[in-house]
């Protein structure tokens, strides 16, 4: 994510029968204990897989056509069932200032070298008093402190009578220099098994920010979660996987897709939001980050926790006709996306 923002709360739950329409629409001030001048740091190194533009002649994986065909079939299934692809309005995260008081986060199980190192990283975390983890089953939460160049993320986060607890998570020091995934260099004692997602790709990576929407341009790769990524194999930059997919043309976690660089996106006359996503997918790509066991999912920052109005949904929970979604549900918007023009870049990793 390239601009700080107070939070990424979950989007409203889609209605049971949204009207189908699958045919061809300055960064916030950090949360903290003191007033701050707005800052514009970026998450991860400028040369990280999330921030560096793709070469037009990047190598294509030999299995690309088969994998994209399988993805198109999944899109068709979800469109017919009216469940996706979906654009979630993010997982909870907070950007804090340098004077934000710190608290200890207790790891539920801190035995062993890897877990004890993570517990040490969680010993002093600048979590705002009003912070709340995501309301979904993963209960994830991210804290980013640009002034210290540190990021923490948590899985199964909850606040109990004795303070904050988490089942797992990760931490990155010098996050502005990070390659964009957890590894042994992320923090003293860190491991590639760290991270709230099952791929060790940070949950804040690839989120469409409010600043992206305001300027009409996404300047980083997009993260996507797939229903069933491949079982037992993963591609760099993923460091591990929980994929359960067994289809011969499944896509692994970590796979890096992009729209064909010769595709004339303006000529497609896409909805504004979809065109913005397509241009990012062509320039930076789309990286498979996790498994949903339900629908294809992208992520977008929501301004609700910043005490500002929600431009995406109206007071009734419907897509705002004057907002970025232009009155369409996310699955309707994603019906315009040029899925058939995607390519899977050459993959490297265990089992590939």
Protein backbone atom coordinates (compact mmCIF):
# COMPACT_ATOMS: atom_id res chain seq x y z
CA UNK A 1 0.00 0.00 0.00
CA UNK A 2 1.60 3.25 -1.07
CA UNK A 3 -0.14 5.87 1.11
CA UNK A 4 -0.92 5.73 4.81
CA UNK A 5 -4.49 5.42 5.93
CA UNK A 6 -6.21 4.73 9.21
CA UNK A 7 -8.00 1.50 8.35
CA UNK A 8 -9.27 -0.99 5.83
CA UNK A 9 -12.53 -2.34 7.34
CA UNK A 10 -14.49 -5.04 5.61
CA UNK A 11 -17.03 -4.12 2.96
CA UNK A 12 -20.73 -4.78 3.49
CA UNK A 13 -21.76 -8.40 2.94
CA UNK A 14 -23.08 -8.83 -0.62
CA UNK A 15 -26.83 -9.24 -0.91
CA UNK A 16 -28.16 -12.74 -1.52
CA UNK A 17 -29.32 -11.78 -4.99
CA UNK A 18 -27.57 -8.69 -6.35
CA UNK A 19 -28.85 -7.65 -9.75
CA UNK A 20 -26.53 -9.29 -12.30
CA UNK A 21 -24.92 -7.06 -14.93
CA UNK A 22 -21.87 -8.90 -16.27
CA UNK A 23 -21.58 -6.74 -19.46
CA UNK A 24 -19.26 -4.08 -20.89
CA UNK A 25 -17.29 2.30 -14.71
CA UNK A 26 -3.46 13.99 -0.21
CA UNK A 27 -3.18 10.75 1.88
CA UNK A 28 -5.00 10.57 5.20
CA UNK A 29 -3.30 11.70 8.37
CA UNK A 30 -1.85 8.82 10.43
CA UNK A 31 -3.64 7.73 13.56
CA UNK A 32 -1.56 8.28 16.69
CA UNK A 33 -1.03 9.97 19.98
CA UNK A 34 0.00 13.33 18.51
CA UNK A 35 -0.89 15.65 15.61
CA UNK A 36 1.30 14.94 12.60
CA UNK A 37 2.15 16.42 9.26
CA UNK A 38 0.77 14.05 6.63
CA UNK A 39 3.43 11.76 5.24
CA UNK A 40 3.61 9.77 2.01
CA UNK A 41 5.91 6.81 2.60
CA UNK A 42 5.40 3.61 0.67
CA UNK A 43 5.07 0.06 1.87
CA UNK A 44 7.98 -2.09 0.71
CA UNK A 45 10.97 -1.26 -1.46
CA UNK A 46 10.38 0.66 -4.70
CA UNK A 47 11.96 -2.34 -6.43
CA UNK A 48 9.79 -4.89 -4.61
CA UNK A 49 7.50 -7.19 -6.54
CA UNK A 50 4.58 -5.00 -5.45
CA UNK A 51 5.99 -1.65 -6.60
CA UNK A 52 8.19 -2.23 -9.64
CA UNK A 53 6.56 -2.06 -13.09
CA UNK A 54 6.75 -5.22 -15.17
CA UNK A 55 8.94 -5.49 -18.24
CA UNK A 56 6.88 -5.67 -21.43
CA UNK A 57 8.86 -8.75 -22.48
CA UNK A 58 8.54 -10.61 -19.15
CA UNK A 59 8.60 -14.38 -19.71
CA UNK A 60 5.25 -16.16 -19.79
CA UNK A 61 4.77 -19.46 -18.00
CA UNK A 62 4.29 -22.48 -20.29
CA UNK A 63 1.06 -23.30 -18.44
CA UNK A 64 -0.33 -19.78 -18.70
CA UNK A 65 -3.09 -20.47 -21.26
CA UNK A 66 -4.45 -23.42 -19.31
CA UNK A 67 -4.39 -21.55 -16.00
CA UNK A 68 -6.13 -18.49 -17.45
CA UNK A 69 -8.76 -20.75 -19.04
CA UNK A 70 -9.43 -22.27 -15.62
CA UNK A 71 -9.66 -18.81 -14.08
CA UNK A 72 -12.15 -17.72 -16.74
CA UNK A 73 -14.28 -20.76 -15.96
CA UNK A 74 -14.25 -19.82 -12.28
CA UNK A 75 -15.27 -16.25 -13.12
CA UNK A 76 -18.17 -17.58 -15.19
CA UNK A 77 -19.26 -19.84 -12.32
CA UNK A 78 -19.19 -16.97 -9.84
CA UNK A 79 -21.01 -14.60 -12.20
CA UNK A 80 -23.75 -17.15 -12.77
CA UNK A 81 -24.06 -17.72 -9.02
CA UNK A 82 -23.92 -13.94 -8.45
CA UNK A 83 -21.27 -14.31 -5.73
CA UNK A 84 -18.19 -12.81 -7.37
CA UNK A 85 -15.58 -11.94 -8.29
CA UNK A 86 -15.76 -9.56 -5.36
CA UNK A 87 -13.95 -6.38 -4.29
CA UNK A 88 -13.68 -6.46 -0.50
CA UNK A 89 -13.18 -3.15 1.23
CA UNK A 90 -10.13 -4.52 2.98
CA UNK A 91 -8.77 -5.98 6.19
CA UNK A 92 -8.33 -3.81 9.25
CA UNK A 93 -5.12 -1.83 9.47
CA UNK A 94 -3.86 1.29 11.21
CA UNK A 95 -1.12 3.76 10.36
CA UNK A 96 0.21 5.35 13.55
CA UNK A 97 2.39 8.27 14.52
CA UNK A 98 5.72 8.22 16.38
CA UNK A 99 4.19 8.98 19.79
CA UNK A 100 1.54 6.27 19.72
CA UNK A 101 1.73 4.38 23.08
CA UNK A 102 2.78 0.77 22.75
CA UNK A 103 1.23 -2.38 24.17
CA UNK A 104 2.23 -6.03 24.37
CA UNK A 105 0.46 -8.55 22.16
CA UNK A 106 0.48 -12.03 23.66
CA UNK A 107 1.09 -14.84 21.20
CA UNK A 108 -1.18 -17.73 22.16
CA UNK A 109 1.70 -20.18 21.80
CA UNK A 110 5.21 -18.76 22.08
CA UNK A 111 7.14 -22.02 22.40
CA UNK A 112 10.07 -22.73 20.08
CA UNK A 113 12.61 -20.41 18.47
CA UNK A 114 10.38 -19.11 15.66
CA UNK A 115 7.45 -18.39 17.97
CA UNK A 116 9.59 -16.87 20.71
CA UNK A 117 11.15 -14.50 18.16
CA UNK A 118 7.67 -13.48 17.03
CA UNK A 119 6.63 -12.93 20.65
CA UNK A 120 9.66 -10.65 21.06
CA UNK A 121 8.54 -8.67 18.00
CA UNK A 122 5.08 -8.34 19.58
CA UNK A 123 6.45 -7.07 22.91
CA UNK A 124 5.91 -3.40 22.10
CA UNK A 125 3.40 -2.59 19.37
CA UNK A 126 1.89 0.90 18.82
CA UNK A 127 -1.75 -0.16 18.63
CA UNK A 128 -4.36 2.64 18.85
CA UNK A 129 -6.82 2.38 21.73
CA UNK A 130 -9.75 2.21 19.29
CA UNK A 131 -8.24 -0.50 17.08
CA UNK A 132 -10.44 -3.41 16.12
CA UNK A 133 -9.49 -6.54 14.19
CA UNK A 134 -11.43 -7.58 11.12
CA UNK A 135 -14.87 -8.99 11.76
CA UNK A 136 -14.36 -12.04 9.56
CA UNK A 137 -13.14 -15.44 10.80
CA UNK A 138 -9.45 -14.52 10.36
CA UNK A 139 -9.73 -11.47 12.67
CA UNK A 140 -6.68 -9.86 11.08
CA UNK A 141 -5.16 -6.50 11.95
CA UNK A 142 -2.17 -4.53 10.62
CA UNK A 143 -0.24 -1.70 12.28
CA UNK A 144 2.20 0.39 10.24
CA UNK A 145 4.41 3.04 11.83
CA UNK A 146 6.22 4.98 9.09
CA UNK A 147 8.34 6.96 11.58
CA UNK A 148 10.00 3.78 12.87
CA UNK A 149 9.74 2.04 9.48
CA UNK A 150 8.06 -0.95 11.10
CA UNK A 151 4.98 -3.03 10.32
CA UNK A 152 3.17 -5.63 12.42
CA UNK A 153 0.32 -7.88 11.37
CA UNK A 154 -1.80 -10.29 13.38
CA UNK A 155 -3.98 -13.33 12.77
CA UNK A 156 -6.86 -14.26 15.08
CA UNK A 157 -6.39 -11.02 16.99
CA UNK A 158 -8.61 -10.37 20.01
CA UNK A 159 -8.67 -8.06 22.98
CA UNK A 160 -9.26 -9.88 26.26
CA UNK A 161 -9.38 -8.71 29.87
CA UNK A 162 -5.58 -8.92 30.12
CA UNK A 163 -4.88 -7.21 26.77
CA UNK A 164 -4.29 -8.14 23.16
CA UNK A 165 -3.80 -11.75 22.01
CA UNK A 166 -3.02 -13.23 18.60
CA UNK A 167 -2.68 -16.74 17.24
CA UNK A 168 -0.03 -15.80 14.67
CA UNK A 169 1.28 -12.93 12.59
CA UNK A 170 4.48 -11.24 11.54
CA UNK A 171 6.62 -8.13 11.81
CA UNK A 172 8.86 -6.28 9.38
CA UNK A 173 11.60 -3.84 10.36
CA UNK A 174 12.87 -1.43 7.67
CA UNK A 175 9.63 -2.07 5.81
CA UNK A 176 10.45 0.62 3.23
CA UNK A 177 13.33 -1.64 2.14
CA UNK A 178 11.40 -4.92 2.34
CA UNK A 179 11.01 -7.12 -0.75
CA UNK A 180 7.31 -7.41 0.12
CA UNK A 181 7.19 -10.80 1.82
CA UNK A 182 8.24 -12.27 5.15
CA UNK A 183 11.64 -13.95 5.32
CA UNK A 184 14.58 -14.34 7.69
CA UNK A 185 15.61 -10.71 7.12
CA UNK A 186 12.24 -9.25 8.14
CA UNK A 187 13.09 -9.02 11.87
CA UNK A 188 15.63 -10.59 14.26
CA UNK A 189 14.76 -14.27 14.45
CA UNK A 190 12.13 -13.97 11.70
CA UNK A 191 11.08 -16.86 9.51
CA UNK A 192 9.42 -17.29 6.14
CA UNK A 193 6.58 -18.91 8.09
CA UNK A 194 5.67 -15.53 9.58
CA UNK A 195 2.69 -13.56 8.31
CA UNK A 196 -1.08 -13.50 8.71
CA UNK A 197 -1.69 -14.93 5.23
CA UNK A 198 -0.90 -18.52 4.32
CA UNK A 199 1.58 -17.40 1.63
CA UNK A 200 3.64 -15.08 3.90
CA UNK A 201 2.68 -12.20 1.61
CA UNK A 202 1.61 -9.31 3.88
CA UNK A 203 -2.11 -8.69 4.19
CA UNK A 204 -1.53 -4.98 3.49
CA UNK A 205 0.18 -5.72 0.16
CA UNK A 206 -1.78 -5.15 -3.01
CA UNK A 207 -4.66 -3.28 -1.37
CA UNK A 208 -6.25 -0.53 -3.50
CA UNK A 209 -5.96 2.59 -1.38
CA UNK A 210 -8.27 5.56 -1.08
CA UNK A 211 -5.42 7.69 -2.41
CA UNK A 212 -5.28 5.43 -5.50
CA UNK A 213 -9.00 6.01 -6.05
CA UNK A 214 -8.73 9.77 -5.51
CA UNK A 215 -5.99 10.20 -8.09
CA UNK A 216 -7.49 7.65 -10.50
CA UNK A 217 -4.35 5.54 -10.71
CA UNK A 218 -3.06 2.47 -8.86
CA UNK A 219 0.73 2.54 -8.66
CA UNK A 220 1.35 -0.97 -7.37
CA UNK A 221 0.43 -4.59 -8.04
CA UNK A 222 -2.96 -5.90 -6.95
CA UNK A 223 -3.44 -8.76 -4.51
CA UNK A 224 -6.04 -11.39 -5.31
CA UNK A 225 -7.30 -14.34 -3.29
CA UNK A 226 -8.56 -17.36 -5.21
CA UNK A 227 -11.07 -20.01 -4.13
CA UNK A 228 -8.64 -22.94 -4.46
CA UNK A 229 -5.01 -22.23 -5.34
CA UNK A 230 -2.85 -25.27 -6.06
CA UNK A 231 -2.20 -27.77 -3.30
CA UNK A 232 1.41 -28.34 -2.25
CA UNK A 233 3.11 -25.91 -4.67
CA UNK A 234 3.69 -22.18 -4.64
CA UNK A 235 5.56 -19.61 -6.69
CA UNK A 236 7.84 -16.77 -5.65
CA UNK A 237 7.18 -14.31 -4.01
CA UNK A 238 4.98 -16.64 -1.88
CA UNK A 239 6.98 -18.42 0.81
CA UNK A 240 4.44 -21.14 1.64
CA UNK A 241 0.86 -22.12 0.82
CA UNK A 242 -2.39 -23.46 2.21
CA UNK A 243 -3.76 -24.12 -1.26
CA UNK A 244 -6.18 -27.02 -1.61
CA UNK A 245 -6.76 -26.95 -5.37
CA UNK A 246 -6.22 -30.19 -7.28
CA UNK A 247 -7.27 -29.19 -10.80
CA UNK A 248 -4.57 -29.71 -13.44
CA UNK A 249 -4.77 -26.02 -14.37
CA UNK A 250 -4.96 -24.58 -10.85
CA UNK A 251 -3.01 -21.39 -10.10
CA UNK A 252 -0.52 -21.47 -7.19
CA UNK A 253 -0.29 -18.90 -4.44
CA UNK A 254 2.39 -16.39 -5.38
CA UNK A 255 1.59 -16.62 -9.10
CA UNK A 256 2.07 -13.26 -10.82
CA UNK A 257 -0.48 -12.49 -13.54
CA UNK A 258 -0.68 -9.49 -15.80
CA UNK A 259 -2.83 -8.22 -18.65
CA UNK A 260 -1.20 -8.60 -22.05
CA UNK A 261 0.88 -5.43 -22.59
CA UNK A 262 -0.51 -5.07 -26.12
CA UNK A 263 -4.11 -4.83 -24.85
CA UNK A 264 -5.62 -1.41 -25.67
CA UNK A 265 -7.43 -0.83 -22.39
CA UNK A 266 -8.98 2.59 -23.21
CA UNK A 267 -10.55 1.07 -26.32
CA UNK A 268 -12.55 -1.32 -24.11
CA UNK A 269 -14.52 1.61 -22.58
CA UNK A 270 -14.54 -0.01 -19.16
CA UNK A 271 -16.18 1.48 -16.07
CA UNK A 272 -13.75 3.93 -14.46
CA UNK A 273 -12.92 1.75 -11.47
CA UNK A 274 -12.37 -1.35 -13.61
CA UNK A 275 -10.17 0.58 -16.04
CA UNK A 276 -8.03 1.70 -13.10
CA UNK A 277 -7.66 -1.91 -11.96
CA UNK A 278 -6.93 -3.11 -15.50
CA UNK A 279 -4.21 -0.52 -16.01
CA UNK A 280 -2.55 -1.59 -12.75
CA UNK A 281 -2.85 -5.25 -13.77
CA UNK A 282 -1.13 -4.45 -17.03
CA UNK A 283 1.66 -2.31 -15.57
CA UNK A 284 2.32 -4.04 -12.21
CA UNK A 285 0.33 -7.27 -12.31
CA UNK A 286 -1.87 -9.27 -9.95
CA UNK A 287 -0.34 -11.55 -7.31
CA UNK A 288 -2.17 -14.51 -5.77
CA UNK A 289 -1.95 -13.97 -2.01
CA UNK A 290 -4.30 -16.41 -0.27
CA UNK A 291 -7.18 -18.88 -0.48
CA UNK A 292 -10.86 -18.10 0.08
CA UNK A 293 -12.67 -21.42 -0.58
CA UNK A 294 -15.49 -19.24 -1.90
CA UNK A 295 -14.90 -16.50 -4.48
CA UNK A 296 -12.19 -14.52 -6.26
CA UNK A 297 -11.46 -11.50 -4.07
CA UNK A 298 -9.63 -8.20 -4.46
CA UNK A 299 -9.10 -5.66 -1.69
CA UNK A 300 -9.74 -1.97 -1.34
CA UNK A 301 -9.19 0.48 1.48
CA UNK A 302 -12.30 1.96 3.10
CA UNK A 303 -12.27 5.37 4.81
CA UNK A 304 -14.87 4.56 7.46
CA UNK A 305 -12.42 4.32 10.37
CA UNK A 306 -11.05 7.75 9.41
CA UNK A 307 -14.40 9.25 10.42
CA UNK A 308 -15.15 10.20 6.83
CA UNK A 309 -18.08 9.20 4.67
CA UNK A 310 -17.95 5.94 2.76
CA UNK A 311 -17.88 6.78 -0.97
CA UNK A 312 -18.46 3.18 -2.01
CA UNK A 313 -21.77 2.40 -0.28
CA UNK A 314 -24.71 4.57 0.69
CA UNK A 315 -26.54 4.67 4.01
CA UNK A 316 -28.61 1.64 3.00
CA UNK A 317 -25.53 -0.44 2.25
CA UNK A 318 -26.06 -0.27 -1.52
CA UNK A 319 -23.35 0.82 -3.98
CA UNK A 320 -23.43 4.60 -4.18
CA UNK A 321 -24.50 5.87 -7.59
CA UNK A 322 -22.14 8.84 -7.19
CA UNK A 323 -19.23 6.85 -5.77
CA UNK A 324 -16.35 4.91 -7.32
CA UNK A 325 -18.54 1.83 -7.93
CA UNK A 326 -21.04 3.97 -9.89
CA UNK A 327 -24.01 2.17 -8.41
CA UNK A 328 -22.79 -1.32 -9.30
CA UNK A 329 -22.04 -4.22 -6.98
CA UNK A 330 -18.43 -5.43 -7.12
CA UNK A 331 -19.35 -8.65 -8.93
CA UNK A 332 -21.11 -6.57 -11.57
CA UNK A 333 -18.03 -4.39 -12.01
CA UNK A 334 -15.73 -7.39 -12.30
CA UNK A 335 -17.88 -8.72 -15.14
CA UNK A 336 -16.29 -5.98 -17.26
CA UNK A 337 -12.71 -6.96 -16.43
CA UNK A 338 -10.85 -8.44 -19.47
CA UNK A 339 -10.07 -11.78 -17.84
CA UNK A 340 -9.23 -13.52 -21.14
CA UNK A 341 -6.31 -11.12 -21.73
CA UNK A 342 -4.50 -12.21 -18.55
CA UNK A 343 -1.17 -14.03 -18.71
CA UNK A 344 0.68 -15.90 -15.97
CA UNK A 345 4.33 -14.89 -15.75
CA UNK A 346 6.94 -17.63 -15.54
CA UNK A 347 6.77 -19.18 -12.09
CA UNK A 348 9.56 -20.43 -9.84
CA UNK A 349 9.17 -22.34 -6.61
CA UNK A 350 8.85 -25.77 -4.99
CA UNK A 351 7.16 -28.28 -7.28
CA UNK A 352 7.25 -25.98 -10.34
